[in-house]
């Protein structure tokens, strides 16, 4: 079933005749907090997004950060969910 779906939607896409260029970006190091306010049409509720710079994907710190993310924000027993929903 899945193979038929893939063939139906992706088979017509032509293979590129040259290598696809790799997009590599270097984000500048943040030296101070940045605040951005964006207003978009058809957005019914305000939202807040907090982001923090992370080490590269192959850093030895990534496994520890993945565990931390799971504890803080994964599922209904996470600390974030508990605090936002139940407290």
C-alpha atoms as a PDB file:
ATOM      1  CA  UNK A   1       0.000   0.000   0.000  1.00  0.00           C
ATOM      2  CA  UNK A   2       2.690   2.476   1.018  1.00  0.00           C
ATOM      3  CA  UNK A   3       4.796   1.679  -2.070  1.00  0.00           C
ATOM      4  CA  UNK A   4       1.829   2.414  -4.336  1.00  0.00           C
ATOM      5  CA  UNK A   5       1.244   5.715  -2.562  1.00  0.00           C
ATOM      6  CA  UNK A   6       4.918   6.686  -2.969  1.00  0.00           C
ATOM      7  CA  UNK A   7       4.881   5.706  -6.643  1.00  0.00           C
ATOM      8  CA  UNK A   8       1.682   7.655  -7.247  1.00  0.00           C
ATOM      9  CA  UNK A   9       2.883  10.915  -5.721  1.00  0.00           C
ATOM     10  CA  UNK A  10       6.644  10.844  -6.161  1.00  0.00           C
ATOM     11  CA  UNK A  11       7.363   8.818  -9.305  1.00  0.00           C
ATOM     12  CA  UNK A  12       6.542  11.756 -11.630  1.00  0.00           C
ATOM     13  CA  UNK A  13       9.245  13.896 -10.006  1.00  0.00           C
ATOM     14  CA  UNK A  14      12.252  13.946 -12.305  1.00  0.00           C
ATOM     15  CA  UNK A  15      15.674  13.116 -10.956  1.00  0.00           C
ATOM     16  CA  UNK A  16      17.913  16.224 -10.913  1.00  0.00           C
ATOM     17  CA  UNK A  17      20.507  16.359 -13.683  1.00  0.00           C
ATOM     18  CA  UNK A  18      23.083  17.925 -11.342  1.00  0.00           C
ATOM     19  CA  UNK A  19      23.865  17.646  -7.630  1.00  0.00           C
ATOM     20  CA  UNK A  20      21.547  19.577  -5.384  1.00  0.00           C
ATOM     21  CA  UNK A  21      23.527  22.326  -3.672  1.00  0.00           C
ATOM     22  CA  UNK A  22      23.848  21.972   0.058  1.00  0.00           C
ATOM     23  CA  UNK A  23      22.508  24.818   2.151  1.00  0.00           C
ATOM     24  CA  UNK A  24      24.886  25.657   4.956  1.00  0.00           C
ATOM     25  CA  UNK A  25      24.198  28.553   7.267  1.00  0.00           C
ATOM     26  CA  UNK A  26      26.168  29.943  10.132  1.00  0.00           C
ATOM     27  CA  UNK A  27      24.018  31.682  12.673  1.00  0.00           C
ATOM     28  CA  UNK A  28      25.702  34.569  14.388  1.00  0.00           C
ATOM     29  CA  UNK A  29      26.415  34.013  18.060  1.00  0.00           C
ATOM     30  CA  UNK A  30      23.793  35.627  20.246  1.00  0.00           C
ATOM     31  CA  UNK A  31      25.288  38.024  22.751  1.00  0.00           C
ATOM     32  CA  UNK A  32      21.998  39.364  24.161  1.00  0.00           C
ATOM     33  CA  UNK A  33      18.338  38.346  24.268  1.00  0.00           C
ATOM     34  CA  UNK A  34      16.293  39.073  21.156  1.00  0.00           C
ATOM     35  CA  UNK A  35      12.579  39.852  21.196  1.00  0.00           C
ATOM     36  CA  UNK A  36      10.473  39.802  18.035  1.00  0.00           C
ATOM     37  CA  UNK A  37       6.767  40.597  17.784  1.00  0.00           C
ATOM     38  CA  UNK A  38       4.962  39.361  14.688  1.00  0.00           C
ATOM     39  CA  UNK A  39       1.338  39.981  13.755  1.00  0.00           C
ATOM     40  CA  UNK A  40      -0.147  37.686  11.103  1.00  0.00           C
ATOM     41  CA  UNK A  41      -3.618  37.609   9.578  1.00  0.00           C
ATOM     42  CA  UNK A  42      -5.829  34.655  10.467  1.00  0.00           C
ATOM     43  CA  UNK A  43      -3.985  34.005  13.697  1.00  0.00           C
ATOM     44  CA  UNK A  44      -6.673  33.669  16.359  1.00  0.00           C
ATOM     45  CA  UNK A  45      -4.559  33.561  19.513  1.00  0.00           C
ATOM     46  CA  UNK A  46      -1.267  35.064  20.636  1.00  0.00           C
ATOM     47  CA  UNK A  47       1.651  32.686  21.053  1.00  0.00           C
ATOM     48  CA  UNK A  48       5.066  32.828  22.656  1.00  0.00           C
ATOM     49  CA  UNK A  49       8.100  30.960  21.393  1.00  0.00           C
ATOM     50  CA  UNK A  50      11.305  30.733  23.373  1.00  0.00           C
ATOM     51  CA  UNK A  51      14.427  29.431  21.731  1.00  0.00           C
ATOM     52  CA  UNK A  52      17.919  28.777  22.931  1.00  0.00           C
ATOM     53  CA  UNK A  53      21.046  28.135  20.882  1.00  0.00           C
ATOM     54  CA  UNK A  54      22.072  24.483  20.808  1.00  0.00           C
ATOM     55  CA  UNK A  55      25.381  22.801  20.124  1.00  0.00           C
ATOM     56  CA  UNK A  56      25.880  21.087  16.741  1.00  0.00           C
ATOM     57  CA  UNK A  57      23.996  17.816  16.105  1.00  0.00           C
ATOM     58  CA  UNK A  58      27.081  15.662  16.630  1.00  0.00           C
ATOM     59  CA  UNK A  59      28.032  17.300  19.928  1.00  0.00           C
ATOM     60  CA  UNK A  60      28.500  15.022  22.923  1.00  0.00           C
ATOM     61  CA  UNK A  61      25.991  17.235  24.780  1.00  0.00           C
ATOM     62  CA  UNK A  62      23.070  16.315  22.491  1.00  0.00           C
ATOM     63  CA  UNK A  63      22.077  13.046  24.271  1.00  0.00           C
ATOM     64  CA  UNK A  64      21.858  14.855  27.615  1.00  0.00           C
ATOM     65  CA  UNK A  65      19.792  17.631  26.021  1.00  0.00           C
ATOM     66  CA  UNK A  66      17.441  15.028  24.514  1.00  0.00           C
ATOM     67  CA  UNK A  67      16.875  13.508  27.967  1.00  0.00           C
ATOM     68  CA  UNK A  68      16.275  16.974  29.403  1.00  0.00           C
ATOM     69  CA  UNK A  69      13.775  17.749  26.631  1.00  0.00           C
ATOM     70  CA  UNK A  70      11.922  14.491  27.327  1.00  0.00           C
ATOM     71  CA  UNK A  71      11.689  15.254  31.049  1.00  0.00           C
ATOM     72  CA  UNK A  72      10.584  18.838  30.562  1.00  0.00           C
ATOM     73  CA  UNK A  73       8.276  18.679  27.559  1.00  0.00           C
ATOM     74  CA  UNK A  74       7.373  15.193  26.311  1.00  0.00           C
ATOM     75  CA  UNK A  75       3.912  13.886  27.074  1.00  0.00           C
ATOM     76  CA  UNK A  76       1.266  14.493  29.701  1.00  0.00           C
ATOM     77  CA  UNK A  77       3.597  13.572  32.558  1.00  0.00           C
ATOM     78  CA  UNK A  78       6.201  16.138  31.538  1.00  0.00           C
ATOM     79  CA  UNK A  79       6.980  18.954  33.919  1.00  0.00           C
ATOM     80  CA  UNK A  80       5.913  21.604  31.412  1.00  0.00           C
ATOM     81  CA  UNK A  81       2.537  19.932  30.769  1.00  0.00           C
ATOM     82  CA  UNK A  82       1.960  19.381  34.480  1.00  0.00           C
ATOM     83  CA  UNK A  83       2.640  23.042  35.261  1.00  0.00           C
ATOM     84  CA  UNK A  84       0.672  24.507  32.364  1.00  0.00           C
ATOM     85  CA  UNK A  85      -2.368  22.245  32.584  1.00  0.00           C
ATOM     86  CA  UNK A  86      -2.672  21.210  36.205  1.00  0.00           C
ATOM     87  CA  UNK A  87      -1.198  24.110  38.176  1.00  0.00           C
END
